[in-house]
Amino acid sequence: MAQSDARNYVLAIESNKQEAAQIAQSAAQKLESRQITLIELVQSLGEYINDKDGKIRDRALSYLVAVISSLAPKFLSRQQIQVLCQFLCDRIEDGGAIDGLSKLQSLDRFTTDMAQSVVRA
């Protein structure tokens, strides 16, 4: 289920931004209702996030950022924010990572240690 959302988003983002936004919103609702886990969501990006084509990697990261942005502000735990922060820092060269880090920094549970990790990246 999570994998098909990721695939559908990656395919839709260039041609239909509204459809892509709806896919990301739907994935966020699945996370909030515990139909999928954050780990499953990130794992669903596997083939796209590691693609040789930078555009595909950018689209995969934009999906993750769109889902995070659609979540309720207090949904993610401090630990989940830490994991996402590290994940995005590791992908700082790919487009979209900075948007994701910016979104994470706006959350209440974002810590000074996480901010220092972002600066080092």
PDB file of N, CA and C in Angstrom:
ATOM      1  N   MET A   1       0.834  -1.195   0.000  1.00  0.00           N
ATOM      2  CA  MET A   1       0.000   0.000   0.000  1.00  0.00           C
ATOM      3  C   MET A   1       0.875   1.254   0.000  1.00  0.00           C
ATOM      4  N   ALA A   2       1.843   1.345   0.922  1.00  0.00           N
ATOM      5  CA  ALA A   2       2.712   2.517   0.979  1.00  0.00           C
ATOM      6  C   ALA A   2       3.546   2.631  -0.301  1.00  0.00           C
ATOM      7  N   GLN A   3       3.978   1.481  -0.830  1.00  0.00           N
ATOM      8  CA  GLN A   3       4.810   1.502  -2.029  1.00  0.00           C
ATOM      9  C   GLN A   3       4.041   2.036  -3.234  1.00  0.00           C
ATOM     10  N   SER A   4       2.781   1.669  -3.359  1.00  0.00           N
ATOM     11  CA  SER A   4       2.019   2.155  -4.501  1.00  0.00           C
ATOM     12  C   SER A   4       1.766   3.662  -4.375  1.00  0.00           C
ATOM     13  N   ASP A   5       1.606   4.169  -3.146  1.00  0.00           N
ATOM     14  CA  ASP A   5       1.462   5.620  -2.952  1.00  0.00           C
ATOM     15  C   ASP A   5       2.728   6.333  -3.411  1.00  0.00           C
ATOM     16  N   ALA A   6       3.877   5.800  -3.029  1.00  0.00           N
ATOM     17  CA  ALA A   6       5.145   6.417  -3.431  1.00  0.00           C
ATOM     18  C   ALA A   6       5.287   6.401  -4.953  1.00  0.00           C
ATOM     19  N   ARG A   7       4.998   5.272  -5.555  1.00  0.00           N
ATOM     20  CA  ARG A   7       5.094   5.159  -7.015  1.00  0.00           C
ATOM     21  C   ARG A   7       4.135   6.137  -7.690  1.00  0.00           C
ATOM     22  N   ASN A   8       2.899   6.166  -7.221  1.00  0.00           N
ATOM     23  CA  ASN A   8       1.904   7.054  -7.820  1.00  0.00           C
ATOM     24  C   ASN A   8       2.303   8.519  -7.691  1.00  0.00           C
ATOM     25  N   TYR A   9       2.870   8.887  -6.561  1.00  0.00           N
ATOM     26  CA  TYR A   9       3.315  10.265  -6.369  1.00  0.00           C
ATOM     27  C   TYR A   9       4.453  10.603  -7.330  1.00  0.00           C
ATOM     28  N   VAL A  10       5.448   9.726  -7.393  1.00  0.00           N
ATOM     29  CA  VAL A  10       6.610   9.956  -8.268  1.00  0.00           C
ATOM     30  C   VAL A  10       6.158  10.118  -9.723  1.00  0.00           C
ATOM     31  N   LEU A  11       5.157   9.342 -10.121  1.00  0.00           N
ATOM     32  CA  LEU A  11       4.652   9.432 -11.496  1.00  0.00           C
ATOM     33  C   LEU A  11       3.797  10.688 -11.710  1.00  0.00           C
ATOM     34  N   ALA A  12       3.089  11.130 -10.674  1.00  0.00           N
ATOM     35  CA  ALA A  12       2.125  12.228 -10.830  1.00  0.00           C
ATOM     36  C   ALA A  12       2.731  13.617 -10.647  1.00  0.00           C
ATOM     37  N   ILE A  13       3.799  13.744  -9.892  1.00  0.00           N
ATOM     38  CA  ILE A  13       4.269  15.059  -9.459  1.00  0.00           C
ATOM     39  C   ILE A  13       4.581  16.006 -10.615  1.00  0.00           C
ATOM     40  N   GLU A  14       5.098  15.511 -11.703  1.00  0.00           N
ATOM     41  CA  GLU A  14       5.437  16.399 -12.824  1.00  0.00           C
ATOM     42  C   GLU A  14       4.199  16.833 -13.617  1.00  0.00           C
ATOM     43  N   SER A  15       3.239  15.937 -13.762  1.00  0.00           N
ATOM     44  CA  SER A  15       2.110  16.226 -14.644  1.00  0.00           C
ATOM     45  C   SER A  15       0.863  16.723 -13.913  1.00  0.00           C
ATOM     46  N   ASN A  16       0.711  16.353 -12.645  1.00  0.00           N
ATOM     47  CA  ASN A  16      -0.510  16.719 -11.938  1.00  0.00           C
ATOM     48  C   ASN A  16      -0.196  16.956 -10.461  1.00  0.00           C
ATOM     49  N   LYS A  17       0.215  18.174 -10.148  1.00  0.00           N
ATOM     50  CA  LYS A  17       0.624  18.498  -8.775  1.00  0.00           C
ATOM     51  C   LYS A  17      -0.523  18.340  -7.771  1.00  0.00           C
ATOM     52  N   GLN A  18      -1.751  18.606  -8.209  1.00  0.00           N
ATOM     53  CA  GLN A  18      -2.898  18.464  -7.315  1.00  0.00           C
ATOM     54  C   GLN A  18      -3.108  16.997  -6.942  1.00  0.00           C
ATOM     55  N   GLU A  19      -3.008  16.109  -7.938  1.00  0.00           N
ATOM     56  CA  GLU A  19      -3.134  14.674  -7.658  1.00  0.00           C
ATOM     57  C   GLU A  19      -2.011  14.214  -6.733  1.00  0.00           C
ATOM     58  N   ALA A  20      -0.794  14.687  -6.991  1.00  0.00           N
ATOM     59  CA  ALA A  20       0.351  14.320  -6.148  1.00  0.00           C
ATOM     60  C   ALA A  20       0.117  14.773  -4.706  1.00  0.00           C
ATOM     61  N   ALA A  21      -0.399  15.983  -4.533  1.00  0.00           N
ATOM     62  CA  ALA A  21      -0.679  16.494  -3.184  1.00  0.00           C
ATOM     63  C   ALA A  21      -1.726  15.627  -2.482  1.00  0.00           C
ATOM     64  N   GLN A  22      -2.724  15.172  -3.220  1.00  0.00           N
ATOM     65  CA  GLN A  22      -3.754  14.306  -2.640  1.00  0.00           C
ATOM     66  C   GLN A  22      -3.171  12.958  -2.218  1.00  0.00           C
ATOM     67  N   ILE A  23      -2.245  12.445  -3.016  1.00  0.00           N
ATOM     68  CA  ILE A  23      -1.590  11.168  -2.682  1.00  0.00           C
ATOM     69  C   ILE A  23      -0.806  11.328  -1.383  1.00  0.00           C
ATOM     70  N   ALA A  24      -0.064  12.425  -1.259  1.00  0.00           N
ATOM     71  CA  ALA A  24       0.723  12.671  -0.048  1.00  0.00           C
ATOM     72  C   ALA A  24      -0.189  12.857   1.164  1.00  0.00           C
ATOM     73  N   GLN A  25      -1.283  13.573   0.982  1.00  0.00           N
ATOM     74  CA  GLN A  25      -2.240  13.780   2.067  1.00  0.00           C
ATOM     75  C   GLN A  25      -2.854  12.456   2.518  1.00  0.00           C
ATOM     76  N   SER A  26      -3.171  11.613   1.557  1.00  0.00           N
ATOM     77  CA  SER A  26      -3.724  10.295   1.865  1.00  0.00           C
ATOM     78  C   SER A  26      -2.711   9.468   2.659  1.00  0.00           C
ATOM     79  N   ALA A  27      -1.457   9.524   2.269  1.00  0.00           N
ATOM     80  CA  ALA A  27      -0.410   8.781   2.986  1.00  0.00           C
ATOM     81  C   ALA A  27      -0.268   9.310   4.414  1.00  0.00           C
ATOM     82  N   ALA A  28      -0.364  10.625   4.576  1.00  0.00           N
ATOM     83  CA  ALA A  28      -0.281  11.221   5.913  1.00  0.00           C
ATOM     84  C   ALA A  28      -1.446  10.725   6.783  1.00  0.00           C
ATOM     85  N   GLN A  29      -2.632  10.646   6.196  1.00  0.00           N
ATOM     86  CA  GLN A  29      -3.796  10.143   6.938  1.00  0.00           C
ATOM     87  C   GLN A  29      -3.602   8.683   7.337  1.00  0.00           C
ATOM     88  N   LYS A  30      -2.986   7.898   6.449  1.00  0.00           N
ATOM     89  CA  LYS A  30      -2.706   6.495   6.771  1.00  0.00           C
ATOM     90  C   LYS A  30      -1.722   6.400   7.932  1.00  0.00           C
ATOM     91  N   LEU A  31      -0.741   7.297   7.955  1.00  0.00           N
ATOM     92  CA  LEU A  31       0.210   7.326   9.071  1.00  0.00           C
ATOM     93  C   LEU A  31      -0.512   7.685  10.369  1.00  0.00           C
ATOM     94  N   GLU A  32      -1.310   8.745  10.315  1.00  0.00           N
ATOM     95  CA  GLU A  32      -1.992   9.212  11.522  1.00  0.00           C
ATOM     96  C   GLU A  32      -2.996   8.196  12.053  1.00  0.00           C
ATOM     97  N   SER A  33      -3.590   7.413  11.167  1.00  0.00           N
ATOM     98  CA  SER A  33      -4.555   6.398  11.602  1.00  0.00           C
ATOM     99  C   SER A  33      -3.882   5.040  11.844  1.00  0.00           C
ATOM    100  N   ARG A  34      -2.568   5.034  11.758  1.00  0.00           N
ATOM    101  CA  ARG A  34      -1.753   3.841  12.045  1.00  0.00           C
ATOM    102  C   ARG A  34      -1.969   2.692  11.057  1.00  0.00           C
ATOM    103  N   GLN A  35      -2.431   3.007   9.843  1.00  0.00           N
ATOM    104  CA  GLN A  35      -2.556   1.978   8.805  1.00  0.00           C
ATOM    105  C   GLN A  35      -1.183   1.607   8.259  1.00  0.00           C
ATOM    106  N   ILE A  36      -0.266   2.574   8.300  1.00  0.00           N
ATOM    107  CA  ILE A  36       1.133   2.323   7.935  1.00  0.00           C
ATOM    108  C   ILE A  36       2.008   2.988   8.989  1.00  0.00           C
ATOM    109  N   THR A  37       3.266   2.563   9.043  1.00  0.00           N
ATOM    110  CA  THR A  37       4.214   3.175   9.973  1.00  0.00           C
ATOM    111  C   THR A  37       5.151   4.098   9.194  1.00  0.00           C
ATOM    112  N   LEU A  38       5.839   4.940   9.919  1.00  0.00           N
ATOM    113  CA  LEU A  38       6.811   5.833   9.292  1.00  0.00           C
ATOM    114  C   LEU A  38       7.910   5.022   8.602  1.00  0.00           C
ATOM    115  N   ILE A  39       8.325   3.947   9.232  1.00  0.00           N
ATOM    116  CA  ILE A  39       9.355   3.080   8.635  1.00  0.00           C
ATOM    117  C   ILE A  39       8.865   2.520   7.298  1.00  0.00           C
ATOM    118  N   GLU A  40       7.623   2.043   7.266  1.00  0.00           N
ATOM    119  CA  GLU A  40       7.069   1.515   6.015  1.00  0.00           C
ATOM    120  C   GLU A  40       7.024   2.595   4.938  1.00  0.00           C
ATOM    121  N   LEU A  41       6.674   3.805   5.343  1.00  0.00           N
ATOM    122  CA  LEU A  41       6.626   4.911   4.390  1.00  0.00           C
ATOM    123  C   LEU A  41       8.013   5.163   3.793  1.00  0.00           C
ATOM    124  N   VAL A  42       9.012   5.256   4.648  1.00  0.00           N
ATOM    125  CA  VAL A  42      10.385   5.507   4.163  1.00  0.00           C
ATOM    126  C   VAL A  42      10.873   4.332   3.321  1.00  0.00           C
ATOM    127  N   GLN A  43      10.577   3.108   3.764  1.00  0.00           N
ATOM    128  CA  GLN A  43      11.000   1.935   2.990  1.00  0.00           C
ATOM    129  C   GLN A  43      10.327   1.897   1.624  1.00  0.00           C
ATOM    130  N   SER A  44       9.125   2.448   1.517  1.00  0.00           N
ATOM    131  CA  SER A  44       8.417   2.441   0.237  1.00  0.00           C
ATOM    132  C   SER A  44       9.139   3.301  -0.804  1.00  0.00           C
ATOM    133  N   LEU A  45      10.022   4.155  -0.354  1.00  0.00           N
ATOM    134  CA  LEU A  45      10.782   5.019  -1.259  1.00  0.00           C
ATOM    135  C   LEU A  45      12.022   4.336  -1.815  1.00  0.00           C
ATOM    136  N   GLY A  46      12.334   3.156  -1.290  1.00  0.00           N
ATOM    137  CA  GLY A  46      13.571   2.449  -1.591  1.00  0.00           C
ATOM    138  C   GLY A  46      14.094   2.549  -3.004  1.00  0.00           C
ATOM    139  N   GLU A  47      13.359   2.035  -3.965  1.00  0.00           N
ATOM    140  CA  GLU A  47      13.872   2.012  -5.335  1.00  0.00           C
ATOM    141  C   GLU A  47      13.986   3.409  -5.929  1.00  0.00           C
ATOM    142  N   TYR A  48      13.170   4.341  -5.449  1.00  0.00           N
ATOM    143  CA  TYR A  48      13.186   5.697  -6.005  1.00  0.00           C
ATOM    144  C   TYR A  48      14.283   6.552  -5.364  1.00  0.00           C
ATOM    145  N   ILE A  49      14.469   6.373  -4.072  1.00  0.00           N
ATOM    146  CA  ILE A  49      15.434   7.183  -3.334  1.00  0.00           C
ATOM    147  C   ILE A  49      16.872   6.797  -3.701  1.00  0.00           C
ATOM    148  N   ASN A  50      17.041   5.597  -4.252  1.00  0.00           N
ATOM    149  CA  ASN A  50      18.371   5.129  -4.637  1.00  0.00           C
ATOM    150  C   ASN A  50      18.562   5.093  -6.149  1.00  0.00           C
ATOM    151  N   ASP A  51      17.632   5.664  -6.885  1.00  0.00           N
ATOM    152  CA  ASP A  51      17.696   5.658  -8.345  1.00  0.00           C
ATOM    153  C   ASP A  51      18.917   6.454  -8.830  1.00  0.00           C
ATOM    154  N   LYS A  52      19.479   6.032  -9.956  1.00  0.00           N
ATOM    155  CA  LYS A  52      20.619   6.761 -10.532  1.00  0.00           C
ATOM    156  C   LYS A  52      20.211   8.138 -11.044  1.00  0.00           C
ATOM    157  N   ASP A  53      18.946   8.275 -11.433  1.00  0.00           N
ATOM    158  CA  ASP A  53      18.429   9.530 -11.962  1.00  0.00           C
ATOM    159  C   ASP A  53      18.113  10.492 -10.812  1.00  0.00           C
ATOM    160  N   GLY A  54      18.800  11.619 -10.782  1.00  0.00           N
ATOM    161  CA  GLY A  54      18.599  12.605  -9.732  1.00  0.00           C
ATOM    162  C   GLY A  54      17.177  13.128  -9.658  1.00  0.00           C
ATOM    163  N   LYS A  55      16.503  13.215 -10.799  1.00  0.00           N
ATOM    164  CA  LYS A  55      15.116  13.700 -10.806  1.00  0.00           C
ATOM    165  C   LYS A  55      14.198  12.743 -10.045  1.00  0.00           C
ATOM    166  N   ILE A  56      14.440  11.453 -10.205  1.00  0.00           N
ATOM    167  CA  ILE A  56      13.626  10.453  -9.501  1.00  0.00           C
ATOM    168  C   ILE A  56      13.878  10.567  -7.994  1.00  0.00           C
ATOM    169  N   ARG A  57      15.152  10.707  -7.605  1.00  0.00           N
ATOM    170  CA  ARG A  57      15.468  10.872  -6.178  1.00  0.00           C
ATOM    171  C   ARG A  57      14.804  12.129  -5.624  1.00  0.00           C
ATOM    172  N   ASP A  58      14.844  13.215  -6.401  1.00  0.00           N
ATOM    173  CA  ASP A  58      14.206  14.468  -5.971  1.00  0.00           C
ATOM    174  C   ASP A  58      12.713  14.273  -5.757  1.00  0.00           C
ATOM    175  N   ARG A  59      12.070  13.567  -6.674  1.00  0.00           N
ATOM    176  CA  ARG A  59      10.627  13.330  -6.554  1.00  0.00           C
ATOM    177  C   ARG A  59      10.313  12.487  -5.323  1.00  0.00           C
ATOM    178  N   ALA A  60      11.154  11.490  -5.057  1.00  0.00           N
ATOM    179  CA  ALA A  60      10.941  10.643  -3.877  1.00  0.00           C
ATOM    180  C   ALA A  60      11.066  11.467  -2.603  1.00  0.00           C
ATOM    181  N   LEU A  61      12.070  12.319  -2.545  1.00  0.00           N
ATOM    182  CA  LEU A  61      12.224  13.167  -1.371  1.00  0.00           C
ATOM    183  C   LEU A  61      11.069  14.155  -1.255  1.00  0.00           C
ATOM    184  N   SER A  62      10.592  14.660  -2.386  1.00  0.00           N
ATOM    185  CA  SER A  62       9.481  15.613  -2.321  1.00  0.00           C
ATOM    186  C   SER A  62       8.219  14.916  -1.799  1.00  0.00           C
ATOM    187  N   TYR A  63       8.077  13.628  -2.097  1.00  0.00           N
ATOM    188  CA  TYR A  63       6.950  12.851  -1.552  1.00  0.00           C
ATOM    189  C   TYR A  63       7.046  12.788  -0.031  1.00  0.00           C
ATOM    190  N   LEU A  64       8.216  12.445   0.469  1.00  0.00           N
ATOM    191  CA  LEU A  64       8.413  12.359   1.911  1.00  0.00           C
ATOM    192  C   LEU A  64       8.122  13.705   2.573  1.00  0.00           C
ATOM    193  N   VAL A  65       8.628  14.778   1.992  1.00  0.00           N
ATOM    194  CA  VAL A  65       8.405  16.120   2.532  1.00  0.00           C
ATOM    195  C   VAL A  65       6.920  16.477   2.489  1.00  0.00           C
ATOM    196  N   ALA A  66       6.249  16.133   1.391  1.00  0.00           N
ATOM    197  CA  ALA A  66       4.819  16.431   1.269  1.00  0.00           C
ATOM    198  C   ALA A  66       4.010  15.676   2.330  1.00  0.00           C
ATOM    199  N   VAL A  67       4.392  14.430   2.590  1.00  0.00           N
ATOM    200  CA  VAL A  67       3.689  13.651   3.615  1.00  0.00           C
ATOM    201  C   VAL A  67       3.937  14.273   4.992  1.00  0.00           C
ATOM    202  N   ILE A  68       5.187  14.574   5.299  1.00  0.00           N
ATOM    203  CA  ILE A  68       5.522  15.187   6.591  1.00  0.00           C
ATOM    204  C   ILE A  68       4.750  16.501   6.767  1.00  0.00           C
ATOM    205  N   SER A  69       4.685  17.273   5.704  1.00  0.00           N
ATOM    206  CA  SER A  69       4.000  18.570   5.762  1.00  0.00           C
ATOM    207  C   SER A  69       2.499  18.425   5.976  1.00  0.00           C
ATOM    208  N   SER A  70       1.941  17.282   5.592  1.00  0.00           N
ATOM    209  CA  SER A  70       0.503  17.046   5.733  1.00  0.00           C
ATOM    210  C   SER A  70       0.128  16.493   7.110  1.00  0.00           C
ATOM    211  N   LEU A  71       1.124  16.105   7.891  1.00  0.00           N
ATOM    212  CA  LEU A  71       0.844  15.546   9.216  1.00  0.00           C
ATOM    213  C   LEU A  71       0.484  16.655  10.205  1.00  0.00           C
ATOM    214  N   ALA A  72      -0.293  16.280  11.214  1.00  0.00           N
ATOM    215  CA  ALA A  72      -0.564  17.214  12.306  1.00  0.00           C
ATOM    216  C   ALA A  72       0.771  17.601  12.938  1.00  0.00           C
ATOM    217  N   PRO A  73       0.927  18.870  13.350  1.00  0.00           N
ATOM    218  CA  PRO A  73       2.220  19.353  13.852  1.00  0.00           C
ATOM    219  C   PRO A  73       2.816  18.548  15.009  1.00  0.00           C
ATOM    220  N   LYS A  74       1.988  17.953  15.833  1.00  0.00           N
ATOM    221  CA  LYS A  74       2.502  17.209  16.986  1.00  0.00           C
ATOM    222  C   LYS A  74       2.453  15.693  16.785  1.00  0.00           C
ATOM    223  N   PHE A  75       2.227  15.250  15.552  1.00  0.00           N
ATOM    224  CA  PHE A  75       2.101  13.809  15.314  1.00  0.00           C
ATOM    225  C   PHE A  75       3.423  13.075  15.503  1.00  0.00           C
ATOM    226  N   LEU A  76       4.488  13.590  14.942  1.00  0.00           N
ATOM    227  CA  LEU A  76       5.775  12.894  14.994  1.00  0.00           C
ATOM    228  C   LEU A  76       6.408  13.005  16.381  1.00  0.00           C
ATOM    229  N   SER A  77       6.940  11.888  16.844  1.00  0.00           N
ATOM    230  CA  SER A  77       7.659  11.897  18.126  1.00  0.00           C
ATOM    231  C   SER A  77       9.039  12.513  17.928  1.00  0.00           C
ATOM    232  N   ARG A  78       9.680  12.870  19.019  1.00  0.00           N
ATOM    233  CA  ARG A  78      11.038  13.413  18.936  1.00  0.00           C
ATOM    234  C   ARG A  78      11.972  12.413  18.256  1.00  0.00           C
ATOM    235  N   GLN A  79      11.812  11.128  18.587  1.00  0.00           N
ATOM    236  CA  GLN A  79      12.659  10.084  17.977  1.00  0.00           C
ATOM    237  C   GLN A  79      12.418  10.000  16.469  1.00  0.00           C
ATOM    238  N   GLN A  80      11.163  10.065  16.045  1.00  0.00           N
ATOM    239  CA  GLN A  80      10.861  10.017  14.608  1.00  0.00           C
ATOM    240  C   GLN A  80      11.452  11.236  13.888  1.00  0.00           C
ATOM    241  N   ILE A  81      11.354  12.386  14.511  1.00  0.00           N
ATOM    242  CA  ILE A  81      11.932  13.593  13.914  1.00  0.00           C
ATOM    243  C   ILE A  81      13.443  13.437  13.794  1.00  0.00           C
ATOM    244  N   GLN A  82      14.066  12.861  14.826  1.00  0.00           N
ATOM    245  CA  GLN A  82      15.519  12.627  14.806  1.00  0.00           C
ATOM    246  C   GLN A  82      15.903  11.709  13.651  1.00  0.00           C
ATOM    247  N   VAL A  83      15.163  10.627  13.465  1.00  0.00           N
ATOM    248  CA  VAL A  83      15.453   9.671  12.390  1.00  0.00           C
ATOM    249  C   VAL A  83      15.278  10.349  11.024  1.00  0.00           C
ATOM    250  N   LEU A  84      14.189  11.088  10.851  1.00  0.00           N
ATOM    251  CA  LEU A  84      13.965  11.797   9.590  1.00  0.00           C
ATOM    252  C   LEU A  84      15.034  12.851   9.343  1.00  0.00           C
ATOM    253  N   CYS A  85      15.418  13.546  10.392  1.00  0.00           N
ATOM    254  CA  CYS A  85      16.467  14.562  10.279  1.00  0.00           C
ATOM    255  C   CYS A  85      17.763  13.929   9.778  1.00  0.00           C
ATOM    256  N   GLN A  86      18.150  12.806  10.372  1.00  0.00           N
ATOM    257  CA  GLN A  86      19.377  12.121   9.950  1.00  0.00           C
ATOM    258  C   GLN A  86      19.256  11.621   8.511  1.00  0.00           C
ATOM    259  N   PHE A  87      18.115  11.051   8.191  1.00  0.00           N
ATOM    260  CA  PHE A  87      17.864  10.550   6.839  1.00  0.00           C
ATOM    261  C   PHE A  87      18.027  11.681   5.816  1.00  0.00           C
ATOM    262  N   LEU A  88      17.423  12.824   6.092  1.00  0.00           N
ATOM    263  CA  LEU A  88      17.495  13.955   5.160  1.00  0.00           C
ATOM    264  C   LEU A  88      18.895  14.558   5.122  1.00  0.00           C
ATOM    265  N   CYS A  89      19.572  14.599   6.258  1.00  0.00           N
ATOM    266  CA  CYS A  89      20.955  15.100   6.274  1.00  0.00           C
ATOM    267  C   CYS A  89      21.854  14.213   5.406  1.00  0.00           C
ATOM    268  N   ASP A  90      21.608  12.912   5.442  1.00  0.00           N
ATOM    269  CA  ASP A  90      22.394  11.982   4.631  1.00  0.00           C
ATOM    270  C   ASP A  90      22.145  12.183   3.140  1.00  0.00           C
ATOM    271  N   ARG A  91      21.036  12.827   2.804  1.00  0.00           N
ATOM    272  CA  ARG A  91      20.658  13.041   1.403  1.00  0.00           C
ATOM    273  C   ARG A  91      20.668  14.514   1.035  1.00  0.00           C
ATOM    274  N   ILE A  92      21.477  15.273   1.715  1.00  0.00           N
ATOM    275  CA  ILE A  92      21.478  16.724   1.550  1.00  0.00           C
ATOM    276  C   ILE A  92      21.809  17.149   0.111  1.00  0.00           C
ATOM    277  N   GLU A  93      22.547  16.309  -0.612  1.00  0.00           N
ATOM    278  CA  GLU A  93      22.893  16.652  -1.997  1.00  0.00           C
ATOM    279  C   GLU A  93      21.683  16.553  -2.927  1.00  0.00           C
ATOM    280  N   ASP A  94      20.702  15.758  -2.537  1.00  0.00           N
ATOM    281  CA  ASP A  94      19.510  15.592  -3.367  1.00  0.00           C
ATOM    282  C   ASP A  94      18.549  16.745  -3.130  1.00  0.00           C
ATOM    283  N   GLY A  95      17.922  17.200  -4.193  1.00  0.00           N
ATOM    284  CA  GLY A  95      16.919  18.249  -4.055  1.00  0.00           C
ATOM    285  C   GLY A  95      15.796  17.788  -3.151  1.00  0.00           C
ATOM    286  N   GLY A  96      15.241  18.688  -2.424  1.00  0.00           N
ATOM    287  CA  GLY A  96      14.122  18.345  -1.552  1.00  0.00           C
ATOM    288  C   GLY A  96      14.525  18.099  -0.116  1.00  0.00           C
ATOM    289  N   ALA A  97      15.758  17.672   0.117  1.00  0.00           N
ATOM    290  CA  ALA A  97      16.187  17.391   1.495  1.00  0.00           C
ATOM    291  C   ALA A  97      16.131  18.661   2.341  1.00  0.00           C
ATOM    292  N   ILE A  98      16.528  19.768   1.768  1.00  0.00           N
ATOM    293  CA  ILE A  98      16.536  21.020   2.521  1.00  0.00           C
ATOM    294  C   ILE A  98      15.109  21.439   2.874  1.00  0.00           C
ATOM    295  N   ASP A  99      14.173  21.239   1.948  1.00  0.00           N
ATOM    296  CA  ASP A  99      12.768  21.539   2.248  1.00  0.00           C
ATOM    297  C   ASP A  99      12.284  20.677   3.419  1.00  0.00           C
ATOM    298  N   GLY A 100      12.658  19.424   3.413  1.00  0.00           N
ATOM    299  CA  GLY A 100      12.266  18.526   4.495  1.00  0.00           C
ATOM    300  C   GLY A 100      12.861  18.925   5.826  1.00  0.00           C
ATOM    301  N   LEU A 101      14.140  19.288   5.809  1.00  0.00           N
ATOM    302  CA  LEU A 101      14.793  19.721   7.046  1.00  0.00           C
ATOM    303  C   LEU A 101      14.169  21.010   7.562  1.00  0.00           C
ATOM    304  N   SER A 102      13.819  21.892   6.652  1.00  0.00           N
ATOM    305  CA  SER A 102      13.164  23.142   7.033  1.00  0.00           C
ATOM    306  C   SER A 102      11.823  22.856   7.723  1.00  0.00           C
ATOM    307  N   LYS A 103      11.061  21.917   7.168  1.00  0.00           N
ATOM    308  CA  LYS A 103       9.780  21.543   7.771  1.00  0.00           C
ATOM    309  C   LYS A 103       9.993  20.936   9.152  1.00  0.00           C
ATOM    310  N   LEU A 104      10.974  20.048   9.280  1.00  0.00           N
ATOM    311  CA  LEU A 104      11.242  19.423  10.578  1.00  0.00           C
ATOM    312  C   LEU A 104      11.627  20.470  11.617  1.00  0.00           C
ATOM    313  N   GLN A 105      12.429  21.462  11.211  1.00  0.00           N
ATOM    314  CA  GLN A 105      12.874  22.496  12.144  1.00  0.00           C
ATOM    315  C   GLN A 105      11.717  23.324  12.679  1.00  0.00           C
ATOM    316  N   SER A 106      10.619  23.362  11.944  1.00  0.00           N
ATOM    317  CA  SER A 106       9.468  24.152  12.391  1.00  0.00           C
ATOM    318  C   SER A 106       8.639  23.418  13.453  1.00  0.00           C
ATOM    319  N   LEU A 107       8.924  22.144  13.688  1.00  0.00           N
ATOM    320  CA  LEU A 107       8.148  21.357  14.648  1.00  0.00           C
ATOM    321  C   LEU A 107       8.643  21.607  16.078  1.00  0.00           C
ATOM    322  N   ASP A 108       7.701  21.569  17.028  1.00  0.00           N
ATOM    323  CA  ASP A 108       8.022  21.833  18.434  1.00  0.00           C
ATOM    324  C   ASP A 108       9.062  20.873  19.005  1.00  0.00           C
ATOM    325  N   ARG A 109       9.039  19.642  18.548  1.00  0.00           N
ATOM    326  CA  ARG A 109       9.915  18.616  19.134  1.00  0.00           C
ATOM    327  C   ARG A 109      11.298  18.573  18.491  1.00  0.00           C
ATOM    328  N   PHE A 110      11.592  19.488  17.586  1.00  0.00           N
ATOM    329  CA  PHE A 110      12.914  19.572  16.962  1.00  0.00           C
ATOM    330  C   PHE A 110      13.881  20.144  18.004  1.00  0.00           C
ATOM    331  N   THR A 111      15.000  19.463  18.231  1.00  0.00           N
ATOM    332  CA  THR A 111      15.903  19.854  19.315  1.00  0.00           C
ATOM    333  C   THR A 111      17.148  20.580  18.807  1.00  0.00           C
ATOM    334  N   THR A 112      17.880  21.156  19.733  1.00  0.00           N
ATOM    335  CA  THR A 112      19.141  21.837  19.408  1.00  0.00           C
ATOM    336  C   THR A 112      20.140  20.854  18.824  1.00  0.00           C
ATOM    337  N   ASP A 113      20.184  19.622  19.355  1.00  0.00           N
ATOM    338  CA  ASP A 113      21.093  18.606  18.809  1.00  0.00           C
ATOM    339  C   ASP A 113      20.783  18.313  17.357  1.00  0.00           C
ATOM    340  N   MET A 114      19.500  18.253  17.031  1.00  0.00           N
ATOM    341  CA  MET A 114      19.109  18.011  15.640  1.00  0.00           C
ATOM    342  C   MET A 114      19.544  19.193  14.764  1.00  0.00           C
ATOM    343  N   ALA A 115      19.383  20.396  15.274  1.00  0.00           N
ATOM    344  CA  ALA A 115      19.798  21.591  14.517  1.00  0.00           C
ATOM    345  C   ALA A 115      21.294  21.552  14.246  1.00  0.00           C
ATOM    346  N   GLN A 116      22.058  21.100  15.220  1.00  0.00           N
ATOM    347  CA  GLN A 116      23.512  21.001  15.018  1.00  0.00           C
ATOM    348  C   GLN A 116      23.852  19.966  13.956  1.00  0.00           C
ATOM    349  N   SER A 117      23.101  18.877  13.898  1.00  0.00           N
ATOM    350  CA  SER A 117      23.304  17.870  12.846  1.00  0.00           C
ATOM    351  C   SER A 117      23.039  18.465  11.469  1.00  0.00           C
ATOM    352  N   VAL A 118      22.007  19.279  11.387  1.00  0.00           N
ATOM    353  CA  VAL A 118      21.666  19.918  10.106  1.00  0.00           C
ATOM    354  C   VAL A 118      22.793  20.854   9.686  1.00  0.00           C
ATOM    355  N   VAL A 119      23.310  21.619  10.610  1.00  0.00           N
ATOM    356  CA  VAL A 119      24.392  22.567  10.282  1.00  0.00           C
ATOM    357  C   VAL A 119      25.625  21.803   9.804  1.00  0.00           C
ATOM    358  N   ARG A 120      25.943  20.683  10.449  1.00  0.00           N
ATOM    359  CA  ARG A 120      27.113  19.894  10.050  1.00  0.00           C
ATOM    360  C   ARG A 120      26.933  19.274   8.656  1.00  0.00           C
ATOM    361  N   ALA A 121      25.676  18.967   8.277  1.00  0.00           N
ATOM    362  CA  ALA A 121      25.415  18.346   6.978  1.00  0.00           C
ATOM    363  C   ALA A 121      25.676  19.358   5.901  1.00  0.00           C
TER     364      ALA A 121
END
